[in-house]
Amino acid sequence: ITFEWWQYLEAGTCKKKIQLENSAKEQVSFVAPKVKESCTIHLILQVTDNGKPSLNAYQRMIITVVP
Protein backbone atom coordinates (compact mmCIF):
# COMPACT_ATOMS: atom_id res chain seq x y z
CA ILE A 1 0.00 0.00 0.00
CA THR A 2 1.03 3.62 -0.46
CA PHE A 3 0.42 6.60 1.80
CA GLU A 4 -0.08 10.23 0.86
CA TRP A 5 -0.76 13.05 3.33
CA TRP A 6 -2.02 16.42 2.12
CA GLN A 7 -3.49 19.58 3.57
CA TYR A 8 -7.15 20.27 2.85
CA LEU A 9 -6.61 24.02 2.85
CA GLU A 10 -10.19 24.97 1.96
CA ALA A 11 -11.66 23.18 5.02
CA GLY A 12 -9.32 24.58 7.68
CA THR A 13 -9.48 28.02 9.27
CA CYS A 14 -5.66 28.40 9.20
CA LYS A 15 -5.11 29.70 5.70
CA LYS A 16 -1.33 29.26 5.75
CA LYS A 17 0.00 26.33 3.73
CA ILE A 18 2.17 24.09 5.89
CA GLN A 19 5.19 22.07 4.80
CA LEU A 20 4.59 18.35 5.41
CA GLU A 21 7.62 16.17 6.17
CA ASN A 22 7.48 12.51 5.06
CA SER A 23 4.13 12.99 3.30
CA ALA A 24 4.49 9.60 1.56
CA LYS A 25 4.97 7.66 4.82
CA GLU A 26 2.64 6.29 7.51
CA GLN A 27 3.55 9.12 9.88
CA VAL A 28 3.76 12.75 8.83
CA SER A 29 5.18 15.73 10.69
CA PHE A 30 5.02 19.49 10.33
CA VAL A 31 5.68 22.71 12.21
CA ALA A 32 2.49 24.51 13.17
CA PRO A 33 2.34 28.14 12.06
CA LYS A 34 2.46 30.95 14.60
CA VAL A 35 -1.06 32.34 14.96
CA LYS A 36 -2.71 35.22 16.83
CA GLU A 37 -5.95 33.29 17.44
CA SER A 38 -6.90 29.61 17.42
CA CYS A 39 -7.47 27.99 14.04
CA THR A 40 -7.69 24.52 12.52
CA ILE A 41 -5.59 22.60 10.01
CA HIS A 42 -7.20 19.70 8.16
CA LEU A 43 -4.88 16.92 6.97
CA ILE A 44 -6.03 14.07 4.75
CA LEU A 45 -4.39 10.65 4.69
CA GLN A 46 -4.98 8.79 1.44
CA VAL A 47 -4.06 5.09 1.46
CA THR A 48 -4.00 3.20 -1.86
CA ASP A 49 -3.54 -0.54 -2.37
CA ASN A 50 -1.86 -2.19 -5.36
CA GLY A 51 -4.87 -4.19 -6.55
CA LYS A 52 -6.40 -4.08 -10.03
CA PRO A 53 -8.25 -1.73 -9.85
CA SER A 54 -6.57 -0.03 -6.90
CA LEU A 55 -8.75 1.04 -3.98
CA ASN A 56 -8.38 4.24 -1.95
CA ALA A 57 -9.31 4.95 1.65
CA TYR A 58 -9.27 8.39 3.27
CA GLN A 59 -9.03 9.66 6.83
CA ARG A 60 -9.18 13.29 7.95
CA MET A 61 -7.22 14.65 10.90
CA ILE A 62 -8.22 18.04 12.33
CA ILE A 63 -5.52 19.86 14.30
CA THR A 64 -6.28 22.92 16.40
CA VAL A 65 -3.43 25.44 16.49
CA VAL A 66 -3.43 27.79 19.48
CA PRO A 67 -1.40 30.97 20.06
PDB file of N, CA and C in Angstrom:
ATOM      1  N   ILE A   1       0.848  -1.188   0.000  1.00  0.00           N
ATOM      2  CA  ILE A   1       0.000   0.000   0.000  1.00  0.00           C
ATOM      3  C   ILE A   1       0.888   1.243   0.000  1.00  0.00           C
ATOM      4  N   THR A   2       0.315   2.341  -0.470  1.00  0.00           N
ATOM      5  CA  THR A   2       1.027   3.617  -0.458  1.00  0.00           C
ATOM      6  C   THR A   2       0.250   4.616   0.392  1.00  0.00           C
ATOM      7  N   PHE A   3       0.996   5.566   0.938  1.00  0.00           N
ATOM      8  CA  PHE A   3       0.422   6.597   1.800  1.00  0.00           C
ATOM      9  C   PHE A   3       0.681   7.959   1.183  1.00  0.00           C
ATOM     10  N   GLU A   4      -0.273   8.853   1.313  1.00  0.00           N
ATOM     11  CA  GLU A   4      -0.085  10.227   0.864  1.00  0.00           C
ATOM     12  C   GLU A   4      -0.874  11.152   1.790  1.00  0.00           C
ATOM     13  N   TRP A   5      -0.154  12.034   2.476  1.00  0.00           N
ATOM     14  CA  TRP A   5      -0.762  13.051   3.334  1.00  0.00           C
ATOM     15  C   TRP A   5      -0.824  14.358   2.568  1.00  0.00           C
ATOM     16  N   TRP A   6      -1.925  15.100   2.732  1.00  0.00           N
ATOM     17  CA  TRP A   6      -2.019  16.419   2.119  1.00  0.00           C
ATOM     18  C   TRP A   6      -2.941  17.306   2.946  1.00  0.00           C
ATOM     19  N   GLN A   7      -2.713  18.593   2.822  1.00  0.00           N
ATOM     20  CA  GLN A   7      -3.490  19.575   3.572  1.00  0.00           C
ATOM     21  C   GLN A   7      -4.738  19.939   2.776  1.00  0.00           C
ATOM     22  N   TYR A   8      -5.878  19.864   3.449  1.00  0.00           N
ATOM     23  CA  TYR A   8      -7.145  20.273   2.849  1.00  0.00           C
ATOM     24  C   TYR A   8      -7.350  21.736   3.239  1.00  0.00           C
ATOM     25  N   LEU A   9      -6.693  22.603   2.511  1.00  0.00           N
ATOM     26  CA  LEU A   9      -6.611  24.019   2.847  1.00  0.00           C
ATOM     27  C   LEU A   9      -7.979  24.693   2.909  1.00  0.00           C
ATOM     28  N   GLU A  10      -8.888  24.324   2.022  1.00  0.00           N
ATOM     29  CA  GLU A  10     -10.194  24.971   1.964  1.00  0.00           C
ATOM     30  C   GLU A  10     -11.050  24.682   3.207  1.00  0.00           C
ATOM     31  N   ALA A  11     -10.827  23.559   3.870  1.00  0.00           N
ATOM     32  CA  ALA A  11     -11.656  23.176   5.016  1.00  0.00           C
ATOM     33  C   ALA A  11     -11.167  23.792   6.322  1.00  0.00           C
ATOM     34  N   GLY A  12      -9.872  24.058   6.435  1.00  0.00           N
ATOM     35  CA  GLY A  12      -9.321  24.582   7.677  1.00  0.00           C
ATOM     36  C   GLY A  12      -9.518  26.080   7.808  1.00  0.00           C
ATOM     37  N   THR A  13      -9.397  26.577   9.045  1.00  0.00           N
ATOM     38  CA  THR A  13      -9.484  28.019   9.265  1.00  0.00           C
ATOM     39  C   THR A  13      -8.107  28.674   9.281  1.00  0.00           C
ATOM     40  N   CYS A  14      -7.021  27.884   9.379  1.00  0.00           N
ATOM     41  CA  CYS A  14      -5.655  28.405   9.204  1.00  0.00           C
ATOM     42  C   CYS A  14      -5.405  28.431   7.694  1.00  0.00           C
ATOM     43  N   LYS A  15      -5.242  29.585   7.152  1.00  0.00           N
ATOM     44  CA  LYS A  15      -5.109  29.699   5.701  1.00  0.00           C
ATOM     45  C   LYS A  15      -3.665  29.668   5.220  1.00  0.00           C
ATOM     46  N   LYS A  16      -2.738  29.380   6.133  1.00  0.00           N
ATOM     47  CA  LYS A  16      -1.331  29.261   5.753  1.00  0.00           C
ATOM     48  C   LYS A  16      -1.049  27.832   5.325  1.00  0.00           C
ATOM     49  N   LYS A  17      -0.388  27.665   4.189  1.00  0.00           N
ATOM     50  CA  LYS A  17      -0.003  26.326   3.728  1.00  0.00           C
ATOM     51  C   LYS A  17       1.173  25.861   4.564  1.00  0.00           C
ATOM     52  N   ILE A  18       1.093  24.629   5.073  1.00  0.00           N
ATOM     53  CA  ILE A  18       2.173  24.092   5.891  1.00  0.00           C
ATOM     54  C   ILE A  18       3.019  23.132   5.061  1.00  0.00           C
ATOM     55  N   GLN A  19       4.261  22.984   5.466  1.00  0.00           N
ATOM     56  CA  GLN A  19       5.187  22.068   4.800  1.00  0.00           C
ATOM     57  C   GLN A  19       5.134  20.725   5.515  1.00  0.00           C
ATOM     58  N   LEU A  20       4.682  19.687   4.823  1.00  0.00           N
ATOM     59  CA  LEU A  20       4.595  18.353   5.408  1.00  0.00           C
ATOM     60  C   LEU A  20       5.899  17.600   5.194  1.00  0.00           C
ATOM     61  N   GLU A  21       6.415  16.988   6.233  1.00  0.00           N
ATOM     62  CA  GLU A  21       7.621  16.170   6.172  1.00  0.00           C
ATOM     63  C   GLU A  21       7.201  14.706   6.104  1.00  0.00           C
ATOM     64  N   ASN A  22       7.787  13.938   5.218  1.00  0.00           N
ATOM     65  CA  ASN A  22       7.475  12.509   5.057  1.00  0.00           C
ATOM     66  C   ASN A  22       6.022  12.285   4.631  1.00  0.00           C
ATOM     67  N   SER A  23       5.532  13.070   3.693  1.00  0.00           N
ATOM     68  CA  SER A  23       4.125  12.986   3.296  1.00  0.00           C
ATOM     69  C   SER A  23       3.766  11.691   2.575  1.00  0.00           C
ATOM     70  N   ALA A  24       4.763  10.885   2.209  1.00  0.00           N
ATOM     71  CA  ALA A  24       4.487   9.601   1.558  1.00  0.00           C
ATOM     72  C   ALA A  24       4.741   8.428   2.511  1.00  0.00           C
ATOM     73  N   LYS A  25       4.732   8.689   3.810  1.00  0.00           N
ATOM     74  CA  LYS A  25       4.972   7.658   4.821  1.00  0.00           C
ATOM     75  C   LYS A  25       3.744   7.515   5.717  1.00  0.00           C
ATOM     76  N   GLU A  26       3.758   6.501   6.584  1.00  0.00           N
ATOM     77  CA  GLU A  26       2.645   6.290   7.513  1.00  0.00           C
ATOM     78  C   GLU A  26       2.481   7.451   8.481  1.00  0.00           C
ATOM     79  N   GLN A  27       3.595   8.017   8.929  1.00  0.00           N
ATOM     80  CA  GLN A  27       3.548   9.122   9.875  1.00  0.00           C
ATOM     81  C   GLN A  27       4.090  10.378   9.213  1.00  0.00           C
ATOM     82  N   VAL A  28       3.373  11.464   9.403  1.00  0.00           N
ATOM     83  CA  VAL A  28       3.757  12.748   8.827  1.00  0.00           C
ATOM     84  C   VAL A  28       4.087  13.696   9.979  1.00  0.00           C
ATOM     85  N   SER A  29       4.897  14.708   9.695  1.00  0.00           N
ATOM     86  CA  SER A  29       5.176  15.733  10.694  1.00  0.00           C
ATOM     87  C   SER A  29       5.188  17.094  10.011  1.00  0.00           C
ATOM     88  N   PHE A  30       5.005  18.127  10.829  1.00  0.00           N
ATOM     89  CA  PHE A  30       5.017  19.495  10.326  1.00  0.00           C
ATOM     90  C   PHE A  30       5.221  20.438  11.503  1.00  0.00           C
ATOM     91  N   VAL A  31       5.564  21.662  11.200  1.00  0.00           N
ATOM     92  CA  VAL A  31       5.677  22.711  12.211  1.00  0.00           C
ATOM     93  C   VAL A  31       4.432  23.573  12.081  1.00  0.00           C
ATOM     94  N   ALA A  32       3.709  23.699  13.183  1.00  0.00           N
ATOM     95  CA  ALA A  32       2.489  24.513  13.169  1.00  0.00           C
ATOM     96  C   ALA A  32       2.858  25.983  12.996  1.00  0.00           C
ATOM     97  N   PRO A  33       2.054  26.713  12.251  1.00  0.00           N
ATOM     98  CA  PRO A  33       2.341  28.139  12.060  1.00  0.00           C
ATOM     99  C   PRO A  33       2.071  28.923  13.345  1.00  0.00           C
ATOM    100  N   LYS A  34       2.744  30.047  13.488  1.00  0.00           N
ATOM    101  CA  LYS A  34       2.455  30.946  14.604  1.00  0.00           C
ATOM    102  C   LYS A  34       1.181  31.701  14.260  1.00  0.00           C
ATOM    103  N   VAL A  35       0.237  31.703  15.197  1.00  0.00           N
ATOM    104  CA  VAL A  35      -1.060  32.340  14.956  1.00  0.00           C
ATOM    105  C   VAL A  35      -1.389  33.302  16.094  1.00  0.00           C
ATOM    106  N   LYS A  36      -2.262  34.260  15.809  1.00  0.00           N
ATOM    107  CA  LYS A  36      -2.711  35.218  16.830  1.00  0.00           C
ATOM    108  C   LYS A  36      -3.982  34.738  17.519  1.00  0.00           C
ATOM    109  N   GLU A  37      -4.760  33.892  16.829  1.00  0.00           N
ATOM    110  CA  GLU A  37      -5.945  33.287  17.436  1.00  0.00           C
ATOM    111  C   GLU A  37      -6.065  31.844  16.965  1.00  0.00           C
ATOM    112  N   SER A  38      -6.774  31.037  17.727  1.00  0.00           N
ATOM    113  CA  SER A  38      -6.903  29.612  17.417  1.00  0.00           C
ATOM    114  C   SER A  38      -7.473  29.399  16.019  1.00  0.00           C
ATOM    115  N   CYS A  39      -6.968  28.368  15.354  1.00  0.00           N
ATOM    116  CA  CYS A  39      -7.471  27.994  14.037  1.00  0.00           C
ATOM    117  C   CYS A  39      -7.244  26.498  13.835  1.00  0.00           C
ATOM    118  N   THR A  40      -7.816  25.949  12.773  1.00  0.00           N
ATOM    119  CA  THR A  40      -7.693  24.516  12.523  1.00  0.00           C
ATOM    120  C   THR A  40      -6.962  24.242  11.211  1.00  0.00           C
ATOM    121  N   ILE A  41      -6.240  23.118  11.213  1.00  0.00           N
ATOM    122  CA  ILE A  41      -5.589  22.599  10.012  1.00  0.00           C
ATOM    123  C   ILE A  41      -6.196  21.228   9.754  1.00  0.00           C
ATOM    124  N   HIS A  42      -6.643  20.986   8.535  1.00  0.00           N
ATOM    125  CA  HIS A  42      -7.201  19.696   8.159  1.00  0.00           C
ATOM    126  C   HIS A  42      -6.181  18.959   7.292  1.00  0.00           C
ATOM    127  N   LEU A  43      -5.787  17.774   7.741  1.00  0.00           N
ATOM    128  CA  LEU A  43      -4.884  16.919   6.969  1.00  0.00           C
ATOM    129  C   LEU A  43      -5.653  15.690   6.522  1.00  0.00           C
ATOM    130  N   ILE A  44      -5.407  15.262   5.302  1.00  0.00           N
ATOM    131  CA  ILE A  44      -6.035  14.070   4.745  1.00  0.00           C
ATOM    132  C   ILE A  44      -4.952  13.016   4.529  1.00  0.00           C
ATOM    133  N   LEU A  45      -5.245  11.797   4.989  1.00  0.00           N
ATOM    134  CA  LEU A  45      -4.392  10.649   4.694  1.00  0.00           C
ATOM    135  C   LEU A  45      -5.105   9.820   3.638  1.00  0.00           C
ATOM    136  N   GLN A  46      -4.457   9.626   2.511  1.00  0.00           N
ATOM    137  CA  GLN A  46      -4.978   8.785   1.437  1.00  0.00           C
ATOM    138  C   GLN A  46      -4.123   7.525   1.373  1.00  0.00           C
ATOM    139  N   VAL A  47      -4.759   6.376   1.521  1.00  0.00           N
ATOM    140  CA  VAL A  47      -4.063   5.090   1.458  1.00  0.00           C
ATOM    141  C   VAL A  47      -4.572   4.355   0.223  1.00  0.00           C
ATOM    142  N   THR A  48      -3.652   3.872  -0.611  1.00  0.00           N
ATOM    143  CA  THR A  48      -3.999   3.195  -1.857  1.00  0.00           C
ATOM    144  C   THR A  48      -3.351   1.824  -1.877  1.00  0.00           C
ATOM    145  N   ASP A  49      -4.132   0.800  -2.260  1.00  0.00           N
ATOM    146  CA  ASP A  49      -3.545  -0.545  -2.370  1.00  0.00           C
ATOM    147  C   ASP A  49      -3.026  -0.759  -3.788  1.00  0.00           C
ATOM    148  N   ASN A  50      -2.426  -1.919  -4.035  1.00  0.00           N
ATOM    149  CA  ASN A  50      -1.856  -2.189  -5.363  1.00  0.00           C
ATOM    150  C   ASN A  50      -2.698  -3.182  -6.154  1.00  0.00           C
ATOM    151  N   GLY A  51      -3.972  -3.284  -5.826  1.00  0.00           N
ATOM    152  CA  GLY A  51      -4.865  -4.189  -6.551  1.00  0.00           C
ATOM    153  C   GLY A  51      -5.228  -3.664  -7.931  1.00  0.00           C
ATOM    154  N   LYS A  52      -5.931  -4.460  -8.680  1.00  0.00           N
ATOM    155  CA  LYS A  52      -6.402  -4.083 -10.026  1.00  0.00           C
ATOM    156  C   LYS A  52      -7.923  -4.176 -10.042  1.00  0.00           C
ATOM    157  N   PRO A  53      -8.674  -3.117  -9.984  1.00  0.00           N
ATOM    158  CA  PRO A  53      -8.248  -1.729  -9.846  1.00  0.00           C
ATOM    159  C   PRO A  53      -7.824  -1.431  -8.406  1.00  0.00           C
ATOM    160  N   SER A  54      -7.012  -0.401  -8.245  1.00  0.00           N
ATOM    161  CA  SER A  54      -6.569  -0.035  -6.904  1.00  0.00           C
ATOM    162  C   SER A  54      -7.717   0.648  -6.153  1.00  0.00           C
ATOM    163  N   LEU A  55      -7.726   0.451  -4.842  1.00  0.00           N
ATOM    164  CA  LEU A  55      -8.747   1.044  -3.981  1.00  0.00           C
ATOM    165  C   LEU A  55      -8.103   2.087  -3.088  1.00  0.00           C
ATOM    166  N   ASN A  56      -8.853   3.155  -2.819  1.00  0.00           N
ATOM    167  CA  ASN A  56      -8.381   4.236  -1.951  1.00  0.00           C
ATOM    168  C   ASN A  56      -9.226   4.290  -0.695  1.00  0.00           C
ATOM    169  N   ALA A  57      -8.605   4.652   0.410  1.00  0.00           N
ATOM    170  CA  ALA A  57      -9.305   4.950   1.652  1.00  0.00           C
ATOM    171  C   ALA A  57      -8.776   6.286   2.155  1.00  0.00           C
ATOM    172  N   TYR A  58      -9.632   7.050   2.806  1.00  0.00           N
ATOM    173  CA  TYR A  58      -9.266   8.386   3.265  1.00  0.00           C
ATOM    174  C   TYR A  58      -9.601   8.539   4.742  1.00  0.00           C
ATOM    175  N   GLN A  59      -8.761   9.316   5.435  1.00  0.00           N
ATOM    176  CA  GLN A  59      -9.027   9.661   6.826  1.00  0.00           C
ATOM    177  C   GLN A  59      -8.607  11.113   7.026  1.00  0.00           C
ATOM    178  N   ARG A  60      -9.483  11.881   7.689  1.00  0.00           N
ATOM    179  CA  ARG A  60      -9.178  13.288   7.945  1.00  0.00           C
ATOM    180  C   ARG A  60      -8.726  13.467   9.386  1.00  0.00           C
ATOM    181  N   MET A  61      -7.695  14.285   9.580  1.00  0.00           N
ATOM    182  CA  MET A  61      -7.216  14.650  10.902  1.00  0.00           C
ATOM    183  C   MET A  61      -7.392  16.161  11.022  1.00  0.00           C
ATOM    184  N   ILE A  62      -8.024  16.599  12.103  1.00  0.00           N
ATOM    185  CA  ILE A  62      -8.224  18.039  12.332  1.00  0.00           C
ATOM    186  C   ILE A  62      -7.360  18.454  13.517  1.00  0.00           C
ATOM    187  N   ILE A  63      -6.445  19.383  13.282  1.00  0.00           N
ATOM    188  CA  ILE A  63      -5.521  19.860  14.296  1.00  0.00           C
ATOM    189  C   ILE A  63      -5.891  21.286  14.652  1.00  0.00           C
ATOM    190  N   THR A  64      -6.022  21.556  15.938  1.00  0.00           N
ATOM    191  CA  THR A  64      -6.283  22.923  16.398  1.00  0.00           C
ATOM    192  C   THR A  64      -4.958  23.553  16.804  1.00  0.00           C
ATOM    193  N   VAL A  65      -4.653  24.696  16.191  1.00  0.00           N
ATOM    194  CA  VAL A  65      -3.427  25.438  16.490  1.00  0.00           C
ATOM    195  C   VAL A  65      -3.824  26.592  17.404  1.00  0.00           C
ATOM    196  N   VAL A  66      -3.130  26.724  18.525  1.00  0.00           N
ATOM    197  CA  VAL A  66      -3.425  27.793  19.483  1.00  0.00           C
ATOM    198  C   VAL A  66      -2.229  28.736  19.580  1.00  0.00           C
ATOM    199  N   PRO A  67      -2.497  29.987  19.928  1.00  0.00           N
ATOM    200  CA  PRO A  67      -1.398  30.971  20.057  1.00  0.00           C
ATOM    201  C   PRO A  67      -0.435  30.590  21.177  1.00  0.00           C
TER     202      PRO A  67
END
